[in-house]
C-alpha atoms as a PDB file:
ATOM      1  CA  MET A   1       0.000   0.000   0.000  1.00  0.00           C
ATOM      2  CA  GLU A   2       1.294   3.441  -0.884  1.00  0.00           C
ATOM      3  CA  VAL A   3       1.872   6.148   1.724  1.00  0.00           C
ATOM      4  CA  LYS A   4      -1.025   8.209   0.331  1.00  0.00           C
ATOM      5  CA  ALA A   5      -3.393   5.262   0.682  1.00  0.00           C
ATOM      6  CA  LEU A   6      -2.189   4.652   4.249  1.00  0.00           C
ATOM      7  CA  THR A   7      -2.694   8.331   5.060  1.00  0.00           C
ATOM      8  CA  ASP A   8      -6.157   8.355   3.475  1.00  0.00           C
ATOM      9  CA  ARG A   9      -7.118   5.324   5.580  1.00  0.00           C
ATOM     10  CA  ALA A  10      -5.685   6.953   8.706  1.00  0.00           C
ATOM     11  CA  MET A  11      -7.787  10.069   8.022  1.00  0.00           C
ATOM     12  CA  GLU A  12     -10.893   7.946   7.484  1.00  0.00           C
ATOM     13  CA  ILE A  13     -10.415   6.507  10.973  1.00  0.00           C
ATOM     14  CA  ARG A  14      -9.601   9.990  12.329  1.00  0.00           C
ATOM     15  CA  SER A  15     -12.949  11.179  10.951  1.00  0.00           C
ATOM     16  CA  ARG A  16     -14.704   8.378  12.828  1.00  0.00           C
ATOM     17  CA  PHE A  17     -12.857   9.289  16.024  1.00  0.00           C
ATOM     18  CA  ALA A  18     -13.834  12.949  15.517  1.00  0.00           C
ATOM     19  CA  ALA A  19     -17.522  11.987  15.232  1.00  0.00           C
ATOM     20  CA  PHE A  20     -17.173   9.886  18.390  1.00  0.00           C
ATOM     21  CA  GLU A  21     -15.452  12.753  20.248  1.00  0.00           C
ATOM     22  CA  GLN A  22     -18.106  15.224  19.106  1.00  0.00           C
ATOM     23  CA  ALA A  23     -20.925  12.972  20.288  1.00  0.00           C
ATOM     24  CA  ARG A  24     -19.189  12.177  23.577  1.00  0.00           C
ATOM     25  CA  SER A  25     -17.868  15.581  24.632  1.00  0.00           C
ATOM     26  CA  GLY A  26     -19.294  18.112  22.191  1.00  0.00           C
ATOM     27  CA  ARG A  27     -15.962  18.822  20.507  1.00  0.00           C
ATOM     28  CA  VAL A  28     -13.182  17.120  18.574  1.00  0.00           C
ATOM     29  CA  TRP A  29      -9.566  16.815  19.638  1.00  0.00           C
ATOM     30  CA  THR A  30      -7.157  19.501  18.475  1.00  0.00           C
ATOM     31  CA  ARG A  31      -3.842  18.767  16.791  1.00  0.00           C
ATOM     32  CA  GLU A  32      -2.180  19.424  20.112  1.00  0.00           C
ATOM     33  CA  GLU A  33      -4.394  16.884  21.881  1.00  0.00           C
ATOM     34  CA  LEU A  34      -3.635  14.343  19.176  1.00  0.00           C
ATOM     35  CA  MET A  35       0.052  14.984  19.800  1.00  0.00           C
ATOM     36  CA  GLN A  36      -0.503  14.393  23.521  1.00  0.00           C
ATOM     37  CA  GLY A  37      -2.143  11.077  22.653  1.00  0.00           C
ATOM     38  CA  PHE A  38       0.856  10.235  20.477  1.00  0.00           C
ATOM     39  CA  VAL A  39       3.208  10.877  23.394  1.00  0.00           C
ATOM     40  CA  VAL A  40       1.143   8.438  25.501  1.00  0.00           C
ATOM     41  CA  ASP A  41       1.371   5.885  22.666  1.00  0.00           C
ATOM     42  CA  VAL A  42       5.154   6.339  22.508  1.00  0.00           C
ATOM     43  CA  GLY A  43       5.322   5.668  26.250  1.00  0.00           C
ATOM     44  CA  ASP A  44       3.290   2.483  25.760  1.00  0.00           C
ATOM     45  CA  LEU A  45       5.593   1.551  22.883  1.00  0.00           C
ATOM     46  CA  MET A  46       8.636   2.005  25.114  1.00  0.00           C
ATOM     47  CA  LYS A  47       7.207  -0.418  27.673  1.00  0.00           C
ATOM     48  CA  LEU A  48       6.716  -2.999  24.928  1.00  0.00           C
ATOM     49  CA  VAL A  49      10.235  -2.466  23.594  1.00  0.00           C
ATOM     50  CA  MET A  50      11.500  -3.061  27.112  1.00  0.00           C
ATOM     51  CA  ALA A  51       9.402  -6.233  27.303  1.00  0.00           C
ATOM     52  CA  LYS A  52      10.783  -7.414  23.979  1.00  0.00           C
ATOM     53  CA  ALA A  53      14.310  -6.872  25.394  1.00  0.00           C
ATOM     54  CA  GLY A  54      13.438  -8.898  28.492  1.00  0.00           C
ATOM     55  CA  SER A  55      13.230  -6.000  30.969  1.00  0.00           C
ATOM     56  CA  ARG A  56       9.465  -6.326  31.482  1.00  0.00           C
ATOM     57  CA  ASP A  57       7.035  -9.191  31.469  1.00  0.00           C
ATOM     58  CA  VAL A  58       4.232  -8.685  28.932  1.00  0.00           C
ATOM     59  CA  GLU A  59       2.089 -11.470  27.523  1.00  0.00           C
ATOM     60  CA  ASP A  60       1.650 -11.589  23.745  1.00  0.00           C
ATOM     61  CA  VAL A  61       4.322  -8.915  23.354  1.00  0.00           C
ATOM     62  CA  ASP A  62       4.748  -9.278  19.582  1.00  0.00           C
ATOM     63  CA  ARG A  63       1.050  -8.673  18.909  1.00  0.00           C
ATOM     64  CA  LYS A  64       0.974  -5.728  21.316  1.00  0.00           C
ATOM     65  CA  LEU A  65       4.196  -4.268  19.874  1.00  0.00           C
ATOM     66  CA  SER A  66       2.811  -4.481  16.356  1.00  0.00           C
ATOM     67  CA  HIS A  67      -0.428  -2.818  17.476  1.00  0.00           C
ATOM     68  CA  GLU A  68       1.382   0.030  19.247  1.00  0.00           C
ATOM     69  CA  LEU A  69       3.687   0.668  16.288  1.00  0.00           C
ATOM     70  CA  SER A  70       0.564   0.887  14.123  1.00  0.00           C
ATOM     71  CA  ASP A  71      -1.048   3.313  16.585  1.00  0.00           C
ATOM     72  CA  CYS A  72       2.049   5.508  16.413  1.00  0.00           C
ATOM     73  CA  LEU A  73       2.167   5.381  12.610  1.00  0.00           C
ATOM     74  CA  TRP A  74      -1.532   6.273  12.477  1.00  0.00           C
ATOM     75  CA  CYS A  75      -0.955   9.325  14.633  1.00  0.00           C
ATOM     76  CA  VAL A  76       2.079  10.476  12.638  1.00  0.00           C
ATOM     77  CA  LEU A  77       0.161  10.169   9.355  1.00  0.00           C
ATOM     78  CA  VAL A  78      -2.838  12.036  10.787  1.00  0.00           C
ATOM     79  CA  LEU A  79      -0.619  14.824  12.133  1.00  0.00           C
ATOM     80  CA  TYR A  80       1.094  15.177   8.745  1.00  0.00           C
ATOM     81  CA  ARG A  81      -2.278  15.669   7.084  1.00  0.00           C
ATOM     82  CA  MET A  82      -3.634  17.954   9.814  1.00  0.00           C
ATOM     83  CA  TYR A  83      -0.586  20.219   9.403  1.00  0.00           C
ATOM     84  CA  GLY A  84      -0.960  20.200   5.614  1.00  0.00           C
ATOM     85  CA  LEU A  85       2.282  18.311   5.010  1.00  0.00           C
ATOM     86  CA  ASP A  86       3.000  15.409   2.649  1.00  0.00           C
ATOM     87  CA  PRO A  87       4.551  12.457   4.519  1.00  0.00           C
ATOM     88  CA  GLU A  88       6.079  10.840   1.439  1.00  0.00           C
ATOM     89  CA  THR A  89       7.792  14.013   0.216  1.00  0.00           C
ATOM     90  CA  GLU A  90       8.982  15.024   3.665  1.00  0.00           C
ATOM     91  CA  PHE A  91      10.193  11.532   4.581  1.00  0.00           C
ATOM     92  CA  LEU A  92      12.236  11.190   1.392  1.00  0.00           C
ATOM     93  CA  LYS A  93      13.667  14.693   1.861  1.00  0.00           C
ATOM     94  CA  THR A  94      14.697  13.857   5.425  1.00  0.00           C
ATOM     95  CA  MET A  95      16.271  10.559   4.327  1.00  0.00           C
ATOM     96  CA  ASP A  96      18.310  12.448   1.713  1.00  0.00           C
ATOM     97  CA  GLU A  97      19.428  14.938   4.373  1.00  0.00           C
ATOM     98  CA  LEU A  98      20.434  12.127   6.749  1.00  0.00           C
ATOM     99  CA  GLU A  99      22.286  10.334   3.972  1.00  0.00           C
ATOM    100  CA  GLY A 100      24.203  13.528   3.195  1.00  0.00           C
ATOM    101  CA  TRP A 101      24.981  14.058   6.890  1.00  0.00           C
ATOM    102  CA  ILE A 102      26.363  10.521   7.182  1.00  0.00           C
ATOM    103  CA  ALA A 103      28.340  10.802   3.948  1.00  0.00           C
ATOM    104  CA  ALA A 104      29.909  14.087   5.090  1.00  0.00           C
ATOM    105  CA  ARG A 105      31.124  12.431   8.299  1.00  0.00           C
ATOM    106  CA  THR A 106      32.217   9.057   6.940  1.00  0.00           C
ATOM    107  CA  PRO A 107      35.904   8.768   6.117  1.00  0.00           C
ATOM    108  CA  PRO A 108      36.702   7.659   2.575  1.00  0.00           C
ATOM    109  CA  ALA A 109      37.330   3.923   2.179  1.00  0.00           C
END
């Protein structure tokens, strides 16, 4: 699946969450609140990474790790769209910048 299709699907689910939030509390989450939720997801992800490394005991860790990574990806894709940015373009640009940074600091063979 292409990044655009993933982002479109993420936004479809975001729309459903927004309708749920509106019905439940009379308003939808802001970008900032979505970012706060992402930070919580990253914390949950860290606990699962620790479990995968043997530092914590979590049942069904692979399934839970996969789920949490997907939650984090969902949030990143939604935030890209909510800020009017293109994840594919920006990701590739950043990878090129990182590649240049590494190349500039790697001694010749």
